[in-house]
Amino acid sequence: MVKMLPTKFGPPWSNWNAGSNGDKFAGARAGAAMIAMYAYNISWLQIRFACAYPTNRYDFIATLPHGNAEALRNELKKKLGLVGHREMTNMDVLLLRVVTPNAPGLKEGIFGKEDTWWKAGAYHTSNRPIDNGDFEGFIYFVTDYFGKPVIDQTGLGNQHFNIDLRWKETKYQENPDGLKKDMLEKLGFEVVPTNMPTEVLVMEKAR
């Protein structure tokens, strides 16, 4: 099924792991940027609108056997007249780097086990790469948490890891310093702020 309709639900929510490969999507009361994020596989922090931002919200679903991102792109074009193209622009980002190789919390992935989740004060995965290009990788988590695009410079490639981070935090009060400390002690990672050319998605009216 592929649908994008004016919302009838609330509050906003989304699910990017409706399929076993994280390639099926569903959501309610979503803005155009959220749908574009799934349609073009890019963080919402890297989406720009070259036209007026649509104010309406939508319920959407894309659960085809394959090609769901493309299906959502077609829905954005058909319903909102929007298409996206990628370009480079200078922006503030965080570089994810290794400080301590072979840190104790960076364990080998558990083959066949799939359970990636995070909540206030916790991030866990049993068997994921650091950056696997979808919305369940560690890179996506830290990008969303710190509110800046995170560029993977760990050099760890497609190795699968078992990671369990815990730091003091509540759902009402984030603790970025606590997360950074846990990342450094358990994973041997640090995040370094910089400004550099970074890929963004520009949404504009279809011609």
Protein backbone atom coordinates (compact mmCIF):
# COMPACT_ATOMS: atom_id res chain seq x y z
CA MET A 1 0.00 0.00 0.00
CA VAL A 2 1.10 3.56 -0.73
CA LYS A 3 -1.02 6.45 0.52
CA MET A 4 -0.54 10.09 1.50
CA LEU A 5 -3.73 11.79 2.74
CA PRO A 6 -4.68 14.88 4.78
CA THR A 7 -4.28 13.90 8.40
CA LYS A 8 -7.10 12.53 10.50
CA PHE A 9 -4.93 11.61 13.47
CA GLY A 10 -2.73 13.10 16.20
CA PRO A 11 -0.29 13.53 17.80
CA PRO A 12 2.46 13.13 15.16
CA TRP A 13 4.28 9.78 15.00
CA SER A 14 6.28 7.78 12.50
CA ASN A 15 7.65 4.26 12.07
CA TRP A 16 10.60 3.71 9.74
CA ASN A 17 11.03 0.02 10.59
CA ALA A 18 7.69 -1.41 9.53
CA GLY A 19 9.64 -3.94 7.44
CA SER A 20 12.39 -6.31 8.52
CA ASN A 21 14.93 -4.25 6.54
CA GLY A 22 13.70 -0.90 7.82
CA ASP A 23 12.47 -0.09 4.31
CA LYS A 24 8.76 0.36 4.94
CA PHE A 25 7.32 3.57 6.35
CA ALA A 26 4.20 4.81 8.08
CA GLY A 27 3.28 7.92 9.98
CA ALA A 28 0.53 10.29 11.07
CA ARG A 29 0.22 14.07 11.18
CA ALA A 30 3.55 14.40 9.38
CA GLY A 31 4.91 17.53 7.77
CA ALA A 32 6.45 17.58 4.30
CA ALA A 33 9.99 17.49 5.72
CA MET A 34 9.37 14.23 7.60
CA ILE A 35 7.99 12.51 4.51
CA ALA A 36 10.86 13.87 2.41
CA MET A 37 13.32 12.50 4.97
CA TYR A 38 12.10 8.95 4.36
CA ALA A 39 11.57 9.46 0.63
CA TYR A 40 15.15 10.65 0.06
CA ASN A 41 16.91 8.87 2.97
CA ILE A 42 18.46 11.94 4.56
CA SER A 43 18.26 13.56 8.00
CA TRP A 44 15.63 16.26 8.45
CA LEU A 45 18.51 18.52 9.52
CA GLN A 46 19.81 18.43 5.95
CA ILE A 47 16.55 19.33 4.20
CA ARG A 48 15.98 22.80 2.78
CA PHE A 49 12.91 24.23 1.01
CA ALA A 50 13.45 26.56 -1.96
CA CYS A 51 9.71 27.30 -1.97
CA ALA A 52 7.14 28.08 0.69
CA TYR A 53 6.98 25.28 3.22
CA PRO A 54 3.65 23.41 3.03
CA THR A 55 1.70 23.95 6.24
CA ASN A 56 -0.70 21.00 5.87
CA ARG A 57 0.01 17.71 7.60
CA TYR A 58 -0.50 14.20 6.29
CA ASP A 59 -0.94 10.58 7.24
CA PHE A 60 1.21 8.35 5.06
CA ILE A 61 2.12 4.74 4.48
CA ALA A 62 4.45 2.93 2.06
CA THR A 63 4.61 -0.84 2.54
CA LEU A 64 5.35 -2.24 -0.91
CA PRO A 65 7.63 -5.31 -1.17
CA HIS A 66 10.32 -2.91 -2.45
CA GLY A 67 10.70 0.65 -3.79
CA ASN A 68 8.99 2.46 -0.92
CA ALA A 69 11.30 5.47 -0.92
CA GLU A 70 10.63 6.01 -4.61
CA ALA A 71 6.90 5.58 -3.99
CA LEU A 72 6.99 8.34 -1.35
CA ARG A 73 8.91 10.60 -3.74
CA ASN A 74 6.15 10.09 -6.29
CA GLU A 75 3.51 10.92 -3.66
CA LEU A 76 5.30 14.16 -2.73
CA LYS A 77 5.38 15.16 -6.38
CA LYS A 78 1.78 14.15 -7.07
CA LYS A 79 0.18 15.60 -3.93
CA LEU A 80 2.40 18.60 -3.17
CA GLY A 81 4.19 19.21 -6.48
CA LEU A 82 7.55 18.85 -4.71
CA VAL A 83 10.76 17.22 -5.94
CA GLY A 84 14.20 17.16 -4.32
CA HIS A 85 17.75 17.43 -5.54
CA ARG A 86 20.99 17.09 -3.63
CA GLU A 87 23.72 19.70 -3.43
CA MET A 88 26.65 20.63 -1.20
CA THR A 89 26.69 23.57 1.17
CA ASN A 90 28.83 24.66 4.12
CA MET A 91 27.21 23.93 7.47
CA ASP A 92 28.01 23.15 11.09
CA VAL A 93 28.50 19.41 11.60
CA LEU A 94 30.02 16.97 14.09
CA LEU A 95 32.81 14.58 13.12
CA LEU A 96 32.61 11.16 14.81
CA ARG A 97 36.17 9.99 15.48
CA VAL A 98 37.96 7.18 17.30
CA VAL A 99 40.04 8.25 20.30
CA THR A 100 40.57 4.81 21.87
CA PRO A 101 40.70 1.87 19.42
CA ASN A 102 39.09 -1.41 20.52
CA ALA A 103 37.20 0.20 23.39
CA PRO A 104 35.45 -2.29 25.73
CA GLY A 105 31.89 -1.22 24.85
CA LEU A 106 32.33 -1.73 21.10
CA LYS A 107 31.55 -5.44 20.98
CA GLU A 108 31.17 -7.74 18.01
CA GLY A 109 27.62 -7.90 16.68
CA ILE A 110 25.41 -10.84 17.65
CA PHE A 111 24.69 -12.63 14.39
CA GLY A 112 20.99 -12.93 13.54
CA LYS A 113 19.79 -10.63 16.34
CA GLU A 114 17.95 -7.44 15.39
CA ASP A 115 16.97 -5.11 18.22
CA THR A 116 17.93 -1.48 17.84
CA TRP A 117 16.21 1.10 20.04
CA TRP A 118 16.83 4.24 22.04
CA LYS A 119 15.08 6.29 24.70
CA ALA A 120 16.02 8.91 27.29
CA GLY A 121 19.40 7.91 28.70
CA ALA A 122 19.87 4.77 26.60
CA TYR A 123 20.94 3.55 23.16
CA HIS A 124 21.11 -0.15 22.33
CA THR A 125 21.80 -2.28 19.30
CA SER A 126 22.80 -5.92 19.08
CA ASN A 127 23.93 -6.08 15.49
CA ARG A 128 24.22 -2.87 13.43
CA PRO A 129 27.00 -1.00 11.62
CA ILE A 130 27.95 2.46 12.89
CA ASP A 131 26.61 3.99 9.69
CA ASN A 132 24.37 1.73 7.63
CA GLY A 133 22.63 4.45 5.67
CA ASP A 134 19.21 3.98 7.27
CA PHE A 135 17.31 5.32 10.25
CA GLU A 136 18.47 2.73 12.78
CA GLY A 137 22.23 3.24 12.64
CA PHE A 138 24.29 4.88 15.38
CA ILE A 139 25.06 7.84 13.09
CA TYR A 140 21.36 8.61 12.69
CA PHE A 141 20.84 8.39 16.46
CA VAL A 142 23.63 10.86 17.35
CA THR A 143 22.61 13.17 14.49
CA ASP A 144 19.09 13.35 15.82
CA TYR A 145 20.24 13.63 19.44
CA PHE A 146 22.80 16.42 18.99
CA GLY A 147 20.75 18.28 16.38
CA LYS A 148 23.59 18.48 13.84
CA PRO A 149 24.62 16.23 10.96
CA VAL A 150 27.24 13.72 12.13
CA ILE A 151 29.94 12.64 9.68
CA ASP A 152 31.40 9.18 10.29
CA GLN A 153 35.21 9.31 10.41
CA THR A 154 35.69 6.17 12.51
CA GLY A 155 36.88 4.10 9.55
CA LEU A 156 34.92 1.12 10.88
CA GLY A 157 33.11 0.55 7.59
CA ASN A 158 30.35 -2.05 7.55
CA GLN A 159 31.45 -3.98 10.65
CA HIS A 160 28.48 -4.94 12.85
CA PHE A 161 28.60 -4.05 16.54
CA ASN A 162 26.80 -4.80 19.80
CA ILE A 163 26.50 -1.46 21.62
CA ASP A 164 24.81 -0.57 24.90
CA LEU A 165 25.09 3.02 26.15
CA ARG A 166 23.51 4.29 29.40
CA TRP A 167 23.80 7.78 30.82
CA LYS A 168 21.84 9.81 33.38
CA GLU A 169 18.96 11.56 31.67
CA THR A 170 15.20 11.94 31.78
CA LYS A 171 12.71 12.46 28.99
CA TYR A 172 12.30 16.02 30.27
CA GLN A 173 16.00 16.94 30.42
CA GLU A 174 18.60 15.82 27.89
CA ASN A 175 22.21 15.35 28.98
CA PRO A 176 24.52 15.65 25.93
CA ASP A 177 27.64 15.81 28.12
CA GLY A 178 26.59 12.54 29.76
CA LEU A 179 26.18 10.88 26.37
CA LYS A 180 29.57 12.20 25.18
CA LYS A 181 31.23 10.85 28.34
CA ASP A 182 29.62 7.41 27.90
CA MET A 183 30.58 7.32 24.21
CA LEU A 184 34.20 8.14 25.05
CA GLU A 185 34.50 5.67 27.93
CA LYS A 186 32.66 2.73 26.35
CA LEU A 187 33.11 3.18 22.60
CA GLY A 188 36.26 5.29 22.46
CA PHE A 189 34.42 7.84 20.29
CA GLU A 190 34.38 11.62 20.36
CA VAL A 191 32.38 14.18 18.39
CA VAL A 192 34.31 17.18 17.07
CA PRO A 193 32.45 20.30 15.88
CA THR A 194 33.47 21.82 12.56
CA ASN A 195 32.06 23.60 9.52
CA MET A 196 32.46 21.90 6.16
CA PRO A 197 30.75 21.21 2.80
CA THR A 198 27.89 18.81 3.52
CA GLU A 199 25.18 17.25 1.40
CA VAL A 200 21.72 18.77 1.71
CA LEU A 201 18.42 18.00 0.03
CA VAL A 202 16.72 20.98 -1.60
CA MET A 203 12.98 20.57 -2.07
CA GLU A 204 11.42 22.72 -4.78
CA LYS A 205 8.36 22.90 -7.01
CA ALA A 206 8.39 20.41 -9.86
CA ARG A 207 8.81 21.99 -13.27
